[in-house]
Amino acid sequence: MSVNKRIVADFVKNDISFVTTVPCKQLAGVIDEIENSLEIFHIPSNKEDEGMGLCAGAFMGGKRPAIIMQNTALGVTLNTLATLTQFYRMPLPMLISYRGELGEPVACQVEMAVHTKALLTQFLIPTYHFHKESDADELDNILKYTFMCNKPVAILTDATFWKGEKE
């Protein structure tokens, strides 16, 4: 099974029934799988903070949401993360393409990469970094964790993860 299908299968297994996505070349395969899933309602977002608002509405409506986004827009989400998601103790799995790391072909992506983990740490958001496909074996437990403790979690997926490089 492809890593994209495995991610969607873990979402479904953990009753994630609402996903919003922001376009990203690295995440295109998993976004396509989300779009084709009969168990998940998918709403594309224009911006990441807008997507978090949609996830909050879905959560308040009784759904388990997730957002799929790039780290390069993490900065625009910080107010929403602090004043909405964390304040109201909403679980929110954030599958994030970690642009700007090793294997990144676009130089301008590097600047946000140097701040991503520090910002997530400052906001006390548990963060997991997937480098290789086998790291996705932990996704089920990460999803269970976020819904158990009602906290957002960040799953950073770098270019080597999406290229399928092995250990």
Protein backbone atom coordinates (compact mmCIF):
# COMPACT_ATOMS: atom_id res chain seq x y z
CA MET A 1 0.00 0.00 0.00
CA SER A 2 1.34 3.46 -0.87
CA VAL A 3 2.20 5.87 1.93
CA ASN A 4 -0.61 8.15 0.73
CA LYS A 5 -3.16 5.34 1.09
CA ARG A 6 -1.70 4.37 4.49
CA ILE A 7 -2.11 7.93 5.78
CA VAL A 8 -5.75 8.08 4.66
CA ALA A 9 -6.38 4.61 6.09
CA ASP A 10 -5.05 5.76 9.47
CA PHE A 11 -7.23 8.87 9.30
CA VAL A 12 -10.30 6.71 8.64
CA LYS A 13 -9.27 4.20 11.34
CA ASN A 14 -9.19 7.09 13.83
CA ASP A 15 -12.59 8.42 12.72
CA ILE A 16 -11.22 11.56 11.08
CA SER A 17 -14.18 12.48 8.93
CA PHE A 18 -13.32 16.08 7.97
CA VAL A 19 -10.09 17.20 6.32
CA THR A 20 -9.15 20.55 4.88
CA THR A 21 -6.11 20.96 2.66
CA VAL A 22 -4.01 23.73 1.19
CA PRO A 23 -2.29 22.95 -2.12
CA CYS A 24 1.27 21.61 -1.96
CA LYS A 25 3.23 19.69 -4.56
CA GLN A 26 4.71 17.31 -1.95
CA LEU A 27 1.28 16.60 -0.46
CA ALA A 28 -0.55 16.21 -3.79
CA GLY A 29 -0.75 12.40 -3.57
CA VAL A 30 -2.27 12.32 -0.10
CA ILE A 31 -4.62 15.20 -1.01
CA ASP A 32 -5.83 13.15 -4.00
CA GLU A 33 -6.44 10.15 -1.71
CA ILE A 34 -8.39 12.36 0.73
CA GLU A 35 -10.47 13.73 -2.14
CA ASN A 36 -11.27 10.19 -3.32
CA SER A 37 -12.13 8.86 0.14
CA LEU A 38 -15.79 8.12 0.72
CA GLU A 39 -15.33 8.29 4.51
CA ILE A 40 -13.78 11.77 4.64
CA PHE A 41 -15.45 15.07 3.81
CA HIS A 42 -12.78 17.20 2.10
CA ILE A 43 -12.88 20.99 1.86
CA PRO A 44 -9.92 22.73 0.20
CA SER A 45 -8.82 25.96 1.92
CA ASN A 46 -7.27 29.10 0.51
CA LYS A 47 -5.08 29.67 3.57
CA GLU A 48 -3.97 27.58 6.53
CA ASP A 49 -5.59 29.78 9.20
CA GLU A 50 -8.87 29.60 7.28
CA GLY A 51 -8.50 25.81 7.27
CA MET A 52 -8.01 25.75 11.02
CA GLY A 53 -11.23 27.74 11.40
CA LEU A 54 -13.03 25.16 9.24
CA CYS A 55 -11.56 22.38 11.41
CA ALA A 56 -12.77 24.17 14.55
CA GLY A 57 -16.29 24.35 13.14
CA ALA A 58 -16.18 20.68 12.19
CA PHE A 59 -14.96 19.76 15.68
CA MET A 60 -17.71 21.80 17.33
CA GLY A 61 -20.16 20.01 15.04
CA GLY A 62 -19.03 16.63 16.33
CA LYS A 63 -16.48 15.67 13.66
CA ARG A 64 -12.84 14.70 14.07
CA PRO A 65 -10.90 17.07 11.80
CA ALA A 66 -7.38 17.25 10.37
CA ILE A 67 -5.52 19.79 8.27
CA ILE A 68 -2.95 19.14 5.56
CA MET A 69 -0.66 22.10 4.91
CA GLN A 70 2.86 23.44 4.31
CA ASN A 71 5.17 24.65 7.06
CA THR A 72 5.88 27.80 5.05
CA ALA A 73 2.50 29.20 6.15
CA LEU A 74 2.83 28.19 9.80
CA GLY A 75 3.35 31.85 10.70
CA VAL A 76 -0.16 32.82 9.57
CA THR A 77 -1.67 30.13 11.79
CA LEU A 78 -0.07 31.06 15.12
CA ASN A 79 -2.88 33.31 16.37
CA THR A 80 -5.47 30.71 15.39
CA LEU A 81 -3.48 27.93 17.07
CA ALA A 82 -3.19 29.87 20.34
CA THR A 83 -6.58 31.57 20.60
CA LEU A 84 -8.82 28.94 19.05
CA THR A 85 -7.30 25.48 18.82
CA GLN A 86 -5.29 25.47 22.05
CA PHE A 87 -7.56 27.71 24.13
CA TYR A 88 -10.57 25.50 23.43
CA ARG A 89 -8.51 22.28 23.70
CA MET A 90 -9.31 21.07 20.20
CA PRO A 91 -7.42 18.07 18.93
CA LEU A 92 -6.02 18.86 15.49
CA PRO A 93 -3.67 16.60 13.59
CA MET A 94 -1.64 18.79 11.26
CA LEU A 95 0.05 16.84 8.46
CA ILE A 96 2.65 19.35 7.32
CA SER A 97 5.03 19.22 4.39
CA TYR A 98 8.32 20.36 5.91
CA ARG A 99 9.62 22.46 3.05
CA GLY A 100 13.15 23.84 3.18
CA GLU A 101 14.97 20.80 4.56
CA LEU A 102 17.40 18.41 2.88
CA GLY A 103 16.19 17.51 -0.57
CA GLU A 104 14.27 20.78 -1.01
CA PRO A 105 14.67 22.11 -4.57
CA VAL A 106 13.30 25.63 -3.90
CA ALA A 107 15.70 27.97 -2.06
CA CYS A 108 13.08 30.39 -0.73
CA GLN A 109 11.46 27.55 1.26
CA VAL A 110 14.51 27.36 3.55
CA GLU A 111 13.77 30.49 5.56
CA MET A 112 10.62 29.18 7.23
CA ALA A 113 12.19 25.78 7.77
CA VAL A 114 14.74 27.26 10.14
CA HIS A 115 11.88 28.57 12.34
CA THR A 116 9.27 25.81 12.07
CA LYS A 117 10.33 23.50 14.90
CA ALA A 118 11.14 26.40 17.24
CA LEU A 119 7.69 27.93 16.69
CA LEU A 120 5.95 24.61 17.33
CA THR A 121 8.06 24.11 20.46
CA GLN A 122 7.28 27.65 21.67
CA PHE A 123 3.58 26.87 21.29
CA LEU A 124 4.03 23.55 23.14
CA ILE A 125 2.73 21.57 20.18
CA PRO A 126 3.96 17.98 20.12
CA THR A 127 5.90 17.52 16.89
CA TYR A 128 6.87 14.39 14.98
CA HIS A 129 9.22 14.41 11.98
CA PHE A 130 8.82 11.79 9.26
CA HIS A 131 11.99 11.27 7.19
CA LYS A 132 11.31 7.84 5.71
CA GLU A 133 8.18 5.90 4.79
CA SER A 134 8.49 3.57 7.77
CA ASP A 135 8.02 6.60 10.06
CA ALA A 136 4.38 6.58 8.93
CA ASP A 137 3.99 3.42 11.04
CA GLU A 138 3.66 5.82 14.02
CA LEU A 139 0.78 7.83 12.54
CA ASP A 140 -1.96 5.70 14.11
CA ASN A 141 -0.50 6.24 17.61
CA ILE A 142 0.02 9.96 16.97
CA LEU A 143 -3.62 10.33 15.94
CA LYS A 144 -4.81 8.42 19.00
CA TYR A 145 -2.62 10.69 21.15
CA THR A 146 -4.02 13.97 19.78
CA PHE A 147 -7.63 12.89 20.35
CA MET A 148 -6.83 11.47 23.80
CA CYS A 149 -5.19 14.66 25.09
CA ASN A 150 -7.20 17.22 23.07
CA LYS A 151 -4.12 18.95 21.69
CA PRO A 152 -2.96 19.84 18.23
CA VAL A 153 -0.02 17.81 16.95
CA ALA A 154 2.31 18.50 14.05
CA ILE A 155 3.51 15.74 11.77
CA LEU A 156 6.33 17.17 9.67
CA THR A 157 6.99 15.29 6.45
CA ASP A 158 10.13 16.27 4.56
CA ALA A 159 11.11 15.77 0.92
CA THR A 160 12.89 12.47 1.65
CA PHE A 161 9.70 11.07 3.17
CA TRP A 162 7.66 11.83 0.06
CA LYS A 163 10.37 10.46 -2.23
CA GLY A 164 10.12 7.15 -0.41
CA GLU A 165 13.75 6.95 0.62
CA LYS A 166 14.44 4.07 2.95
CA GLU A 167 16.60 3.76 6.03
